[in-house]
Every structure is written in C-alpha cells, then in structure tokens.
C-alpha cells in the first residue's frame, strides 16, 4: 500500500511525463524515486478533462517497475490512446490525472457461469476477460461510477473485448479479477479513492 504522499509524487510524475513530451526532455527522476518506487506493478493512468475521459492506458501485468510504468502509461494515455486525438500543450493544465496501481490479476475459477456473480465485488474488483487474441479490461472504479451490478460489469467487460454481452457465460473465456489502489487529482488536490 502506498501513502497519500506517494500518490501525490506519482501523479506529479505522470504530469511531468506528459509535460516533458513537448520539450523533448526527460522527466527528472531522483534516486529517491528510483529506490522508493522500484517494485514491479501493473498501472493504469487515466486522464480526464472537464469531467470527461481524455485518455486511459496502462499495463495489467507487473512488467515495469512502478515509476517507469507511470511514466510510460501517462505518456501513452496522453498521446497514444486511439480513441482520442493527442493531448495538446495548452490542455495540460486542464487535465486531471488518476492513477490505478494494480494487484496481479487472478483467474476466477468457477464451475458454472452464475458463480461469477458471487466471486466479484463491485467497487473492489476490476475485470479482465481473455479469449484467443482478444481481451477486455475494466478498472475497479468503473462499475461504481456507472452504478453497475456484477452482471453489467461482466457484460461491459465482454464488450471491451469485442465479444457479445453474454460471452462471460461461456466458460472457455477466462475471466480474471484484480484490485487497485487509486489516487486521483480532484480540483488540484490529490485524494485516495
């Protein structure tokens, strides 16, 4: 678990990663940051502008150490999310940043699809569905933000993988759950959600 002070540092790191893109400089990474945030972690960085999604990209698996994952995810969310045009320099100050630090995904093992309804907790669990080359992911906070129940969360996760709404009922698809520690910038103040 990370402290609120850690959250502030990591959000500032994400912001720095986006800002330095325009100056073609590298973010200033202190030895303290390198040492303190050296665990490998899955991370998502979400950018919002005027209460609307502006970009969201991350890594479900712990393939990068935390500070590197934040740098890469922030830059990708700002400039490589295919759903949005790249962030412009004059937008940076109007962006609010949210960081989700993930636990490793765990396969949910069930005998019948209805058992998923008991294994998933709204507001706590994010989901990944995998099948062949296709996968879809929703962060834990999404279901709460939209007031979904478990079945709606499963359906929308399927939709993210370009599967039918009912694909979660087919046990050949693997469904994973994970949790996240979430830090969010709200009106210039960093809070833990």
N, C-alpha and C. Protein backbone atom coordinates (compact mmCIF):
# COMPACT_ATOMS: atom_id res chain seq x y z
N UNK A 1 0.84 -1.19 0.00
CA UNK A 1 0.00 0.00 0.00
C UNK A 1 0.88 1.25 0.00
N UNK A 2 0.41 2.22 -0.73
CA UNK A 2 1.14 3.48 -0.83
C UNK A 2 0.38 4.56 -0.07
N UNK A 3 1.11 5.54 0.43
CA UNK A 3 0.51 6.63 1.21
C UNK A 3 -0.03 7.71 0.26
N UNK A 4 -0.79 8.63 0.82
CA UNK A 4 -1.29 9.76 0.04
C UNK A 4 -0.12 10.60 -0.49
N UNK A 5 0.94 10.74 0.30
CA UNK A 5 2.13 11.46 -0.19
C UNK A 5 2.74 10.74 -1.40
N UNK A 6 2.75 9.42 -1.35
CA UNK A 6 3.23 8.66 -2.52
C UNK A 6 2.34 8.95 -3.72
N UNK A 7 1.04 8.98 -3.50
CA UNK A 7 0.10 9.28 -4.58
C UNK A 7 0.38 10.62 -5.22
N UNK A 8 0.68 11.62 -4.40
CA UNK A 8 1.00 12.96 -4.92
C UNK A 8 2.25 12.92 -5.78
N UNK A 9 3.26 12.22 -5.29
CA UNK A 9 4.52 12.10 -6.04
C UNK A 9 4.27 11.41 -7.38
N UNK A 10 3.50 10.33 -7.36
CA UNK A 10 3.26 9.56 -8.59
C UNK A 10 2.40 10.33 -9.58
N UNK A 11 1.43 11.08 -9.11
CA UNK A 11 0.62 11.91 -10.02
C UNK A 11 1.49 13.02 -10.62
N UNK A 12 2.35 13.62 -9.81
CA UNK A 12 3.27 14.64 -10.35
C UNK A 12 4.22 14.03 -11.37
N UNK A 13 4.63 12.80 -11.13
CA UNK A 13 5.49 12.09 -12.08
C UNK A 13 4.77 11.89 -13.41
N UNK A 14 3.50 11.50 -13.35
CA UNK A 14 2.70 11.33 -14.57
C UNK A 14 2.56 12.65 -15.32
N UNK A 15 2.30 13.71 -14.57
CA UNK A 15 2.16 15.04 -15.18
C UNK A 15 3.46 15.48 -15.84
N UNK A 16 4.56 15.23 -15.16
CA UNK A 16 5.89 15.57 -15.68
C UNK A 16 6.17 14.80 -16.97
N UNK A 17 5.77 13.54 -17.01
CA UNK A 17 5.97 12.72 -18.20
C UNK A 17 5.25 13.33 -19.41
N UNK A 18 4.05 13.84 -19.19
CA UNK A 18 3.28 14.46 -20.27
C UNK A 18 3.89 15.79 -20.67
N UNK A 19 4.25 16.61 -19.69
CA UNK A 19 4.81 17.94 -19.98
C UNK A 19 6.14 17.86 -20.74
N UNK A 20 7.00 16.92 -20.33
CA UNK A 20 8.32 16.85 -20.97
C UNK A 20 8.24 16.36 -22.41
N UNK A 21 7.13 15.77 -22.79
CA UNK A 21 6.94 15.35 -24.18
C UNK A 21 7.10 16.53 -25.13
N UNK A 22 6.63 17.70 -24.71
CA UNK A 22 6.66 18.88 -25.58
C UNK A 22 8.03 19.54 -25.61
N UNK A 23 8.82 19.34 -24.58
CA UNK A 23 10.15 19.94 -24.56
C UNK A 23 11.22 18.95 -25.01
N UNK A 24 10.80 17.71 -25.24
CA UNK A 24 11.71 16.64 -25.64
C UNK A 24 12.82 16.42 -24.62
N UNK A 25 12.53 16.78 -23.37
CA UNK A 25 13.44 16.48 -22.26
C UNK A 25 12.94 15.21 -21.59
N UNK A 26 13.77 14.66 -20.76
CA UNK A 26 13.36 13.50 -19.96
C UNK A 26 12.90 14.00 -18.59
N UNK A 27 11.89 13.35 -17.99
CA UNK A 27 11.48 13.73 -16.64
C UNK A 27 12.65 13.56 -15.66
N UNK A 28 12.68 14.41 -14.65
CA UNK A 28 13.72 14.35 -13.64
C UNK A 28 13.35 13.27 -12.62
N UNK A 29 14.05 12.16 -12.66
CA UNK A 29 13.79 11.05 -11.75
C UNK A 29 14.91 11.01 -10.72
N UNK A 30 14.57 11.33 -9.49
CA UNK A 30 15.58 11.35 -8.41
C UNK A 30 15.92 9.93 -7.99
N UNK A 31 17.05 9.80 -7.31
CA UNK A 31 17.44 8.49 -6.78
C UNK A 31 16.42 8.01 -5.76
N UNK A 32 15.82 8.93 -5.02
CA UNK A 32 14.80 8.57 -4.04
C UNK A 32 13.59 7.92 -4.73
N UNK A 33 13.16 8.50 -5.84
CA UNK A 33 12.03 7.93 -6.60
C UNK A 33 12.42 6.56 -7.13
N UNK A 34 13.62 6.45 -7.68
CA UNK A 34 14.07 5.16 -8.22
C UNK A 34 14.08 4.07 -7.16
N UNK A 35 14.48 4.42 -5.95
CA UNK A 35 14.55 3.43 -4.88
C UNK A 35 13.17 3.12 -4.30
N UNK A 36 12.38 4.17 -4.07
CA UNK A 36 11.09 4.00 -3.38
C UNK A 36 10.04 3.31 -4.25
N UNK A 37 10.08 3.53 -5.56
CA UNK A 37 9.05 3.00 -6.45
C UNK A 37 9.64 2.00 -7.45
N UNK A 38 10.43 1.05 -6.91
CA UNK A 38 11.14 0.11 -7.77
C UNK A 38 10.47 -1.26 -7.85
N UNK A 39 9.35 -1.45 -7.16
CA UNK A 39 8.61 -2.71 -7.28
C UNK A 39 7.93 -2.77 -8.64
N UNK A 40 7.88 -3.94 -9.23
CA UNK A 40 7.15 -4.10 -10.49
C UNK A 40 5.65 -4.14 -10.18
N UNK A 41 4.89 -3.27 -10.87
CA UNK A 41 3.46 -3.19 -10.63
C UNK A 41 2.72 -2.93 -11.94
N UNK A 42 1.51 -3.45 -12.02
CA UNK A 42 0.61 -3.07 -13.10
C UNK A 42 0.04 -1.70 -12.77
N UNK A 43 -0.15 -0.87 -13.79
CA UNK A 43 -0.59 0.51 -13.58
C UNK A 43 -1.48 0.96 -14.72
N UNK A 44 -2.48 1.77 -14.40
CA UNK A 44 -3.24 2.50 -15.42
C UNK A 44 -3.22 3.97 -15.07
N UNK A 45 -3.07 4.80 -16.09
CA UNK A 45 -3.17 6.25 -15.92
C UNK A 45 -4.38 6.71 -16.73
N UNK A 46 -5.28 7.40 -16.05
CA UNK A 46 -6.50 7.92 -16.67
C UNK A 46 -6.44 9.44 -16.67
N UNK A 47 -6.71 10.02 -17.83
CA UNK A 47 -6.75 11.47 -17.96
C UNK A 47 -8.19 11.90 -18.18
N UNK A 48 -8.62 12.91 -17.43
CA UNK A 48 -9.95 13.48 -17.61
C UNK A 48 -9.82 14.97 -17.86
N UNK A 49 -10.74 15.49 -18.64
CA UNK A 49 -10.79 16.93 -18.91
C UNK A 49 -12.25 17.34 -18.86
N UNK A 50 -12.55 18.32 -18.02
CA UNK A 50 -13.92 18.80 -17.83
C UNK A 50 -14.86 17.65 -17.50
N UNK A 51 -14.40 16.71 -16.66
CA UNK A 51 -15.23 15.59 -16.24
C UNK A 51 -15.42 14.50 -17.27
N UNK A 52 -14.72 14.59 -18.41
CA UNK A 52 -14.85 13.61 -19.48
C UNK A 52 -13.51 12.89 -19.68
N UNK A 53 -13.61 11.62 -20.01
CA UNK A 53 -12.40 10.84 -20.29
C UNK A 53 -11.63 11.47 -21.44
N UNK A 54 -10.31 11.59 -21.26
CA UNK A 54 -9.45 12.18 -22.30
C UNK A 54 -8.35 11.21 -22.73
N UNK A 55 -8.21 10.12 -21.97
CA UNK A 55 -7.23 9.09 -22.31
C UNK A 55 -7.05 8.14 -21.15
N UNK A 56 -6.81 6.88 -21.45
CA UNK A 56 -6.58 5.89 -20.39
C UNK A 56 -5.83 4.72 -20.99
N UNK A 57 -4.63 4.50 -20.49
CA UNK A 57 -3.80 3.39 -20.96
C UNK A 57 -2.98 2.89 -19.77
N UNK A 58 -2.66 1.62 -19.81
CA UNK A 58 -1.83 1.08 -18.75
C UNK A 58 -1.37 -0.33 -19.04
N UNK A 59 -0.88 -0.95 -18.00
CA UNK A 59 -0.31 -2.29 -18.08
C UNK A 59 -0.95 -3.15 -17.00
N UNK A 60 -1.63 -4.22 -17.40
CA UNK A 60 -2.29 -5.07 -16.41
C UNK A 60 -1.29 -5.91 -15.63
N UNK A 61 -0.23 -6.29 -16.27
CA UNK A 61 0.77 -7.14 -15.64
C UNK A 61 1.92 -6.30 -15.09
N UNK A 62 2.57 -6.77 -14.03
CA UNK A 62 3.70 -6.04 -13.46
C UNK A 62 4.98 -6.25 -14.27
N UNK A 63 5.03 -5.64 -15.47
CA UNK A 63 6.19 -5.82 -16.35
C UNK A 63 7.22 -4.70 -16.21
N UNK A 64 6.80 -3.57 -15.61
CA UNK A 64 7.72 -2.45 -15.40
C UNK A 64 7.75 -2.11 -13.91
N UNK A 65 8.89 -1.55 -13.48
CA UNK A 65 8.91 -1.05 -12.11
C UNK A 65 7.99 0.17 -12.05
N UNK A 66 7.46 0.44 -10.88
CA UNK A 66 6.34 1.38 -10.74
C UNK A 66 6.59 2.74 -11.38
N UNK A 67 7.72 3.37 -11.08
CA UNK A 67 7.90 4.72 -11.63
C UNK A 67 7.98 4.70 -13.16
N UNK A 68 8.60 3.64 -13.73
CA UNK A 68 8.67 3.54 -15.19
C UNK A 68 7.28 3.27 -15.78
N UNK A 69 6.50 2.44 -15.11
CA UNK A 69 5.14 2.15 -15.57
C UNK A 69 4.29 3.43 -15.59
N UNK A 70 4.45 4.26 -14.57
CA UNK A 70 3.71 5.54 -14.51
C UNK A 70 4.13 6.43 -15.68
N UNK A 71 5.42 6.56 -15.90
CA UNK A 71 5.92 7.42 -16.99
C UNK A 71 5.38 6.95 -18.34
N UNK A 72 5.49 5.65 -18.60
CA UNK A 72 5.06 5.11 -19.89
C UNK A 72 3.54 5.20 -20.07
N UNK A 73 2.79 4.84 -19.02
CA UNK A 73 1.33 4.86 -19.12
C UNK A 73 0.80 6.28 -19.29
N UNK A 74 1.38 7.24 -18.58
CA UNK A 74 0.93 8.63 -18.70
C UNK A 74 1.16 9.17 -20.11
N UNK A 75 2.33 8.92 -20.63
CA UNK A 75 2.64 9.39 -21.99
C UNK A 75 1.73 8.71 -23.01
N UNK A 76 1.51 7.41 -22.84
CA UNK A 76 0.64 6.69 -23.77
C UNK A 76 -0.81 7.17 -23.67
N UNK A 77 -1.29 7.41 -22.45
CA UNK A 77 -2.67 7.89 -22.28
C UNK A 77 -2.85 9.25 -22.94
N UNK A 78 -1.82 10.08 -22.86
CA UNK A 78 -1.91 11.43 -23.43
C UNK A 78 -1.75 11.46 -24.94
N UNK A 79 -0.93 10.58 -25.48
CA UNK A 79 -0.56 10.73 -26.89
C UNK A 79 -0.85 9.51 -27.78
N UNK A 80 -1.24 8.38 -27.18
CA UNK A 80 -1.39 7.18 -28.00
C UNK A 80 -2.71 6.44 -27.79
N UNK A 81 -3.63 7.00 -27.01
CA UNK A 81 -4.94 6.34 -26.86
C UNK A 81 -5.67 6.53 -28.19
N UNK A 82 -5.95 5.44 -28.90
CA UNK A 82 -6.53 5.57 -30.24
C UNK A 82 -7.94 6.16 -30.26
N UNK A 83 -8.56 6.27 -29.11
CA UNK A 83 -9.92 6.82 -29.04
C UNK A 83 -9.95 8.34 -29.06
N UNK A 84 -8.78 8.97 -28.86
CA UNK A 84 -8.72 10.42 -28.72
C UNK A 84 -7.56 11.01 -29.52
N UNK A 85 -7.70 12.27 -29.94
CA UNK A 85 -6.53 12.92 -30.54
C UNK A 85 -5.47 13.16 -29.45
N UNK A 86 -4.21 13.29 -29.84
CA UNK A 86 -3.16 13.53 -28.84
C UNK A 86 -3.43 14.81 -28.04
N UNK A 87 -3.06 14.77 -26.78
CA UNK A 87 -3.19 15.94 -25.91
C UNK A 87 -2.32 17.06 -26.47
N UNK A 88 -2.85 18.26 -26.45
CA UNK A 88 -2.10 19.44 -26.90
C UNK A 88 -1.48 20.13 -25.68
N UNK A 89 -0.42 20.87 -25.92
CA UNK A 89 0.30 21.50 -24.82
C UNK A 89 -0.59 22.44 -24.00
N UNK A 90 -1.50 23.15 -24.67
CA UNK A 90 -2.36 24.08 -23.93
C UNK A 90 -3.46 23.39 -23.13
N UNK A 91 -3.57 22.07 -23.24
CA UNK A 91 -4.56 21.30 -22.47
C UNK A 91 -4.02 20.80 -21.13
N UNK A 92 -2.73 20.75 -20.99
CA UNK A 92 -2.12 20.06 -19.84
C UNK A 92 -2.68 20.56 -18.51
N UNK A 93 -2.79 21.86 -18.34
CA UNK A 93 -3.25 22.39 -17.05
C UNK A 93 -4.72 22.10 -16.79
N UNK A 94 -5.48 21.73 -17.80
CA UNK A 94 -6.90 21.42 -17.60
C UNK A 94 -7.16 19.92 -17.42
N UNK A 95 -6.10 19.12 -17.44
CA UNK A 95 -6.25 17.67 -17.25
C UNK A 95 -6.23 17.32 -15.76
N UNK A 96 -7.07 16.39 -15.38
CA UNK A 96 -6.94 15.79 -14.05
C UNK A 96 -6.48 14.35 -14.27
N UNK A 97 -5.59 13.91 -13.41
CA UNK A 97 -4.93 12.62 -13.58
C UNK A 97 -5.36 11.67 -12.47
N UNK A 98 -5.62 10.44 -12.86
CA UNK A 98 -5.93 9.38 -11.91
C UNK A 98 -4.98 8.22 -12.17
N UNK A 99 -4.42 7.68 -11.10
CA UNK A 99 -3.50 6.55 -11.20
C UNK A 99 -4.10 5.37 -10.46
N UNK A 100 -4.12 4.23 -11.12
CA UNK A 100 -4.57 2.98 -10.50
C UNK A 100 -3.37 2.03 -10.45
N UNK A 101 -2.96 1.68 -9.24
CA UNK A 101 -1.85 0.75 -9.05
C UNK A 101 -2.47 -0.62 -8.78
N UNK A 102 -2.20 -1.58 -9.66
CA UNK A 102 -2.94 -2.83 -9.67
C UNK A 102 -2.25 -3.96 -8.91
N UNK A 103 -3.09 -4.85 -8.39
CA UNK A 103 -2.59 -6.13 -7.89
C UNK A 103 -2.47 -7.05 -9.10
N UNK A 104 -1.69 -8.12 -9.02
CA UNK A 104 -1.62 -9.06 -10.15
C UNK A 104 -3.00 -9.70 -10.40
N UNK A 105 -3.41 -9.81 -11.66
CA UNK A 105 -4.71 -10.43 -11.97
C UNK A 105 -4.74 -11.90 -11.53
N UNK A 106 -5.91 -12.32 -11.01
CA UNK A 106 -6.10 -13.70 -10.58
C UNK A 106 -7.25 -14.31 -11.36
N UNK A 107 -7.01 -15.47 -11.93
CA UNK A 107 -8.05 -16.19 -12.66
C UNK A 107 -9.17 -16.55 -11.69
N UNK A 108 -10.42 -16.26 -12.08
CA UNK A 108 -11.58 -16.64 -11.27
C UNK A 108 -12.01 -18.03 -11.74
N UNK A 109 -11.90 -19.00 -10.86
CA UNK A 109 -12.24 -20.38 -11.20
C UNK A 109 -13.67 -20.66 -10.72
N UNK A 110 -14.53 -21.04 -11.66
CA UNK A 110 -15.92 -21.35 -11.34
C UNK A 110 -16.33 -22.63 -12.06
N UNK A 111 -17.35 -23.28 -11.52
CA UNK A 111 -17.90 -24.49 -12.14
C UNK A 111 -18.99 -24.13 -13.14
N UNK A 112 -19.73 -23.06 -12.84
CA UNK A 112 -20.77 -22.59 -13.75
C UNK A 112 -20.74 -21.06 -13.75
N UNK A 113 -21.16 -20.46 -14.85
CA UNK A 113 -21.01 -19.02 -15.03
C UNK A 113 -21.72 -18.20 -13.96
N UNK A 114 -22.84 -18.70 -13.42
CA UNK A 114 -23.56 -17.94 -12.39
C UNK A 114 -22.70 -17.70 -11.15
N UNK A 115 -21.69 -18.56 -10.95
CA UNK A 115 -20.82 -18.41 -9.78
C UNK A 115 -19.99 -17.13 -9.85
N UNK A 116 -19.79 -16.59 -11.05
CA UNK A 116 -19.08 -15.31 -11.16
C UNK A 116 -19.78 -14.23 -10.35
N UNK A 117 -21.09 -14.29 -10.30
CA UNK A 117 -21.87 -13.26 -9.60
C UNK A 117 -21.53 -13.21 -8.12
N UNK A 118 -21.07 -14.32 -7.55
CA UNK A 118 -20.70 -14.37 -6.13
C UNK A 118 -19.23 -14.05 -5.91
N UNK A 119 -18.41 -14.23 -6.96
CA UNK A 119 -16.95 -14.10 -6.82
C UNK A 119 -16.43 -12.68 -7.05
N UNK A 120 -17.27 -11.81 -7.60
CA UNK A 120 -16.83 -10.46 -7.98
C UNK A 120 -17.50 -9.43 -7.08
N UNK A 121 -16.71 -8.51 -6.55
CA UNK A 121 -17.23 -7.47 -5.65
C UNK A 121 -17.16 -6.11 -6.35
N UNK A 122 -18.31 -5.48 -6.47
CA UNK A 122 -18.39 -4.15 -7.10
C UNK A 122 -17.64 -3.13 -6.24
N UNK A 123 -16.88 -2.26 -6.89
CA UNK A 123 -16.11 -1.24 -6.19
C UNK A 123 -14.77 -1.74 -5.68
N UNK A 124 -14.58 -3.05 -5.69
CA UNK A 124 -13.31 -3.63 -5.24
C UNK A 124 -12.55 -4.29 -6.38
N UNK A 125 -13.28 -5.04 -7.24
CA UNK A 125 -12.65 -5.82 -8.28
C UNK A 125 -12.77 -5.19 -9.66
N UNK A 126 -11.65 -5.14 -10.36
CA UNK A 126 -11.65 -4.86 -11.78
C UNK A 126 -11.63 -6.20 -12.50
N UNK A 127 -12.00 -6.21 -13.78
CA UNK A 127 -12.09 -7.46 -14.51
C UNK A 127 -11.31 -7.43 -15.82
N UNK A 128 -10.83 -8.60 -16.19
CA UNK A 128 -10.22 -8.83 -17.50
C UNK A 128 -10.86 -10.09 -18.05
N UNK A 129 -11.29 -10.04 -19.30
CA UNK A 129 -11.75 -11.26 -19.97
C UNK A 129 -10.79 -11.52 -21.12
N UNK A 130 -10.36 -12.77 -21.25
CA UNK A 130 -9.43 -13.15 -22.31
C UNK A 130 -9.99 -14.33 -23.09
N UNK A 131 -9.83 -14.23 -24.39
CA UNK A 131 -10.20 -15.34 -25.26
C UNK A 131 -9.37 -15.23 -26.53
N UNK A 132 -8.58 -16.23 -26.82
CA UNK A 132 -7.73 -16.17 -28.01
C UNK A 132 -6.86 -14.92 -27.99
N UNK A 133 -6.94 -14.12 -29.05
CA UNK A 133 -6.15 -12.89 -29.15
C UNK A 133 -6.89 -11.67 -28.60
N UNK A 134 -8.12 -11.86 -28.19
CA UNK A 134 -8.95 -10.74 -27.75
C UNK A 134 -8.99 -10.67 -26.23
N UNK A 135 -8.98 -9.43 -25.71
CA UNK A 135 -9.15 -9.25 -24.27
C UNK A 135 -9.79 -7.89 -24.01
N UNK A 136 -10.42 -7.77 -22.87
CA UNK A 136 -11.04 -6.52 -22.46
C UNK A 136 -10.83 -6.33 -20.97
N UNK A 137 -10.72 -5.08 -20.53
CA UNK A 137 -10.44 -4.76 -19.13
C UNK A 137 -11.28 -3.59 -18.70
N UNK A 138 -11.78 -3.65 -17.47
CA UNK A 138 -12.40 -2.51 -16.82
C UNK A 138 -11.82 -2.39 -15.42
N UNK A 139 -11.42 -1.18 -15.05
CA UNK A 139 -10.85 -0.91 -13.73
C UNK A 139 -11.92 -1.01 -12.65
N UNK A 140 -11.51 -1.25 -11.40
CA UNK A 140 -12.49 -1.43 -10.31
C UNK A 140 -13.45 -0.26 -10.13
N UNK A 141 -12.99 0.96 -10.37
CA UNK A 141 -13.82 2.13 -10.12
C UNK A 141 -14.93 2.33 -11.15
N UNK A 142 -14.82 1.69 -12.31
CA UNK A 142 -15.78 1.92 -13.40
C UNK A 142 -17.19 1.49 -13.00
N UNK A 143 -17.33 0.30 -12.42
CA UNK A 143 -18.66 -0.20 -12.06
C UNK A 143 -19.34 0.72 -11.04
N UNK A 144 -18.56 1.23 -10.09
CA UNK A 144 -19.13 2.15 -9.09
C UNK A 144 -19.55 3.47 -9.74
N UNK A 145 -18.72 3.98 -10.65
CA UNK A 145 -19.02 5.26 -11.30
C UNK A 145 -20.31 5.19 -12.11
N UNK A 146 -20.59 4.03 -12.69
CA UNK A 146 -21.79 3.88 -13.52
C UNK A 146 -22.94 3.17 -12.79
N UNK A 147 -22.72 2.85 -11.51
CA UNK A 147 -23.74 2.19 -10.69
C UNK A 147 -24.17 0.85 -11.29
N UNK A 148 -23.19 0.05 -11.74
CA UNK A 148 -23.46 -1.25 -12.32
C UNK A 148 -23.50 -2.32 -11.25
N UNK A 149 -24.25 -3.37 -11.51
CA UNK A 149 -24.15 -4.57 -10.70
C UNK A 149 -23.12 -5.50 -11.36
N UNK A 150 -22.89 -6.67 -10.77
CA UNK A 150 -21.85 -7.58 -11.27
C UNK A 150 -22.14 -8.02 -12.70
N UNK A 151 -23.40 -8.31 -13.00
CA UNK A 151 -23.72 -8.78 -14.35
C UNK A 151 -23.44 -7.69 -15.39
N UNK A 152 -23.77 -6.45 -15.08
CA UNK A 152 -23.48 -5.36 -16.02
C UNK A 152 -21.97 -5.18 -16.19
N UNK A 153 -21.22 -5.32 -15.10
CA UNK A 153 -19.76 -5.23 -15.19
C UNK A 153 -19.22 -6.33 -16.11
N UNK A 154 -19.71 -7.53 -15.94
CA UNK A 154 -19.28 -8.64 -16.81
C UNK A 154 -19.63 -8.36 -18.27
N UNK A 155 -20.84 -7.88 -18.51
CA UNK A 155 -21.27 -7.59 -19.89
C UNK A 155 -20.41 -6.52 -20.54
N UNK A 156 -20.13 -5.45 -19.80
CA UNK A 156 -19.33 -4.36 -20.38
C UNK A 156 -17.87 -4.76 -20.56
N UNK A 157 -17.37 -5.64 -19.71
CA UNK A 157 -16.01 -6.15 -19.90
C UNK A 157 -15.96 -6.97 -21.19
N UNK A 158 -16.99 -7.76 -21.43
CA UNK A 158 -17.08 -8.53 -22.70
C UNK A 158 -17.09 -7.57 -23.89
N UNK A 159 -17.87 -6.51 -23.78
CA UNK A 159 -17.96 -5.55 -24.86
C UNK A 159 -16.59 -4.92 -25.17
N UNK A 160 -15.80 -4.65 -24.12
CA UNK A 160 -14.45 -4.09 -24.32
C UNK A 160 -13.56 -5.04 -25.11
N UNK A 161 -13.86 -6.35 -25.03
CA UNK A 161 -13.08 -7.35 -25.77
C UNK A 161 -13.70 -7.66 -27.13
N UNK A 162 -14.68 -6.84 -27.53
CA UNK A 162 -15.41 -7.08 -28.79
C UNK A 162 -16.09 -8.44 -28.81
N UNK A 163 -16.61 -8.85 -27.67
CA UNK A 163 -17.37 -10.08 -27.54
C UNK A 163 -18.84 -9.71 -27.31
N UNK A 164 -19.71 -10.69 -27.43
CA UNK A 164 -21.12 -10.44 -27.14
C UNK A 164 -21.30 -10.19 -25.65
N UNK A 165 -22.38 -9.51 -25.30
CA UNK A 165 -22.68 -9.22 -23.89
C UNK A 165 -22.72 -10.48 -23.03
N UNK A 166 -23.14 -11.58 -23.62
CA UNK A 166 -23.33 -12.81 -22.86
C UNK A 166 -22.11 -13.72 -22.90
N UNK A 167 -21.01 -13.28 -23.49
CA UNK A 167 -19.82 -14.14 -23.64
C UNK A 167 -19.27 -14.62 -22.30
N UNK A 168 -19.51 -13.85 -21.25
CA UNK A 168 -19.00 -14.25 -19.92
C UNK A 168 -19.61 -15.58 -19.45
N UNK A 169 -20.73 -15.95 -20.02
CA UNK A 169 -21.39 -17.19 -19.62
C UNK A 169 -20.73 -18.43 -20.23
N UNK A 170 -19.87 -18.22 -21.22
CA UNK A 170 -19.15 -19.31 -21.87
C UNK A 170 -17.82 -19.52 -21.13
N UNK A 171 -17.67 -20.65 -20.47
CA UNK A 171 -16.51 -20.89 -19.61
C UNK A 171 -15.21 -21.08 -20.38
N UNK A 172 -15.26 -21.09 -21.72
CA UNK A 172 -14.00 -21.16 -22.47
C UNK A 172 -13.25 -19.82 -22.40
N UNK A 173 -13.97 -18.76 -22.06
CA UNK A 173 -13.34 -17.45 -21.86
C UNK A 173 -12.80 -17.38 -20.43
N UNK A 174 -11.59 -16.89 -20.30
CA UNK A 174 -11.01 -16.75 -18.96
C UNK A 174 -11.34 -15.38 -18.41
N UNK A 175 -11.79 -15.33 -17.16
CA UNK A 175 -12.08 -14.06 -16.50
C UNK A 175 -11.19 -13.94 -15.27
N UNK A 176 -10.51 -12.81 -15.19
CA UNK A 176 -9.59 -12.51 -14.10
C UNK A 176 -10.13 -11.32 -13.32
N UNK A 177 -9.78 -11.28 -12.03
CA UNK A 177 -10.10 -10.09 -11.25
C UNK A 177 -8.82 -9.55 -10.63
N UNK A 178 -8.85 -8.27 -10.35
CA UNK A 178 -7.72 -7.61 -9.71
C UNK A 178 -8.26 -6.43 -8.90
N UNK A 179 -7.45 -5.92 -8.01
CA UNK A 179 -7.81 -4.74 -7.23
C UNK A 179 -6.84 -3.62 -7.55
N UNK A 180 -7.17 -2.42 -7.09
CA UNK A 180 -6.30 -1.28 -7.38
C UNK A 180 -6.33 -0.30 -6.21
N UNK A 181 -5.18 0.29 -5.98
CA UNK A 181 -5.11 1.45 -5.10
C UNK A 181 -5.15 2.66 -6.03
N UNK A 182 -6.10 3.56 -5.79
CA UNK A 182 -6.38 4.63 -6.74
C UNK A 182 -6.11 5.98 -6.11
N UNK A 183 -5.31 6.77 -6.82
CA UNK A 183 -5.06 8.16 -6.44
C UNK A 183 -5.59 9.03 -7.56
N UNK A 184 -6.31 10.07 -7.18
CA UNK A 184 -6.96 10.93 -8.17
C UNK A 184 -6.73 12.39 -7.82
N UNK A 185 -6.59 13.17 -8.86
CA UNK A 185 -6.44 14.61 -8.70
C UNK A 185 -7.83 15.23 -8.92
N UNK A 186 -8.35 15.86 -7.89
CA UNK A 186 -9.67 16.48 -7.98
C UNK A 186 -9.55 17.94 -7.57
N UNK A 187 -9.81 18.84 -8.51
CA UNK A 187 -9.67 20.29 -8.28
C UNK A 187 -8.30 20.64 -7.74
N UNK A 188 -7.27 20.00 -8.29
CA UNK A 188 -5.89 20.30 -7.91
C UNK A 188 -5.43 19.64 -6.63
N UNK A 189 -6.30 18.86 -5.99
CA UNK A 189 -5.95 18.17 -4.73
C UNK A 189 -5.92 16.67 -4.99
N UNK A 190 -4.86 16.01 -4.53
CA UNK A 190 -4.75 14.55 -4.71
C UNK A 190 -5.47 13.86 -3.56
N UNK A 191 -6.34 12.91 -3.91
CA UNK A 191 -7.06 12.13 -2.91
C UNK A 191 -6.89 10.65 -3.24
N UNK A 192 -7.09 9.81 -2.22
CA UNK A 192 -7.12 8.38 -2.46
C UNK A 192 -8.57 7.95 -2.50
N UNK A 193 -8.92 7.21 -3.54
CA UNK A 193 -10.31 6.76 -3.69
C UNK A 193 -10.49 5.41 -3.04
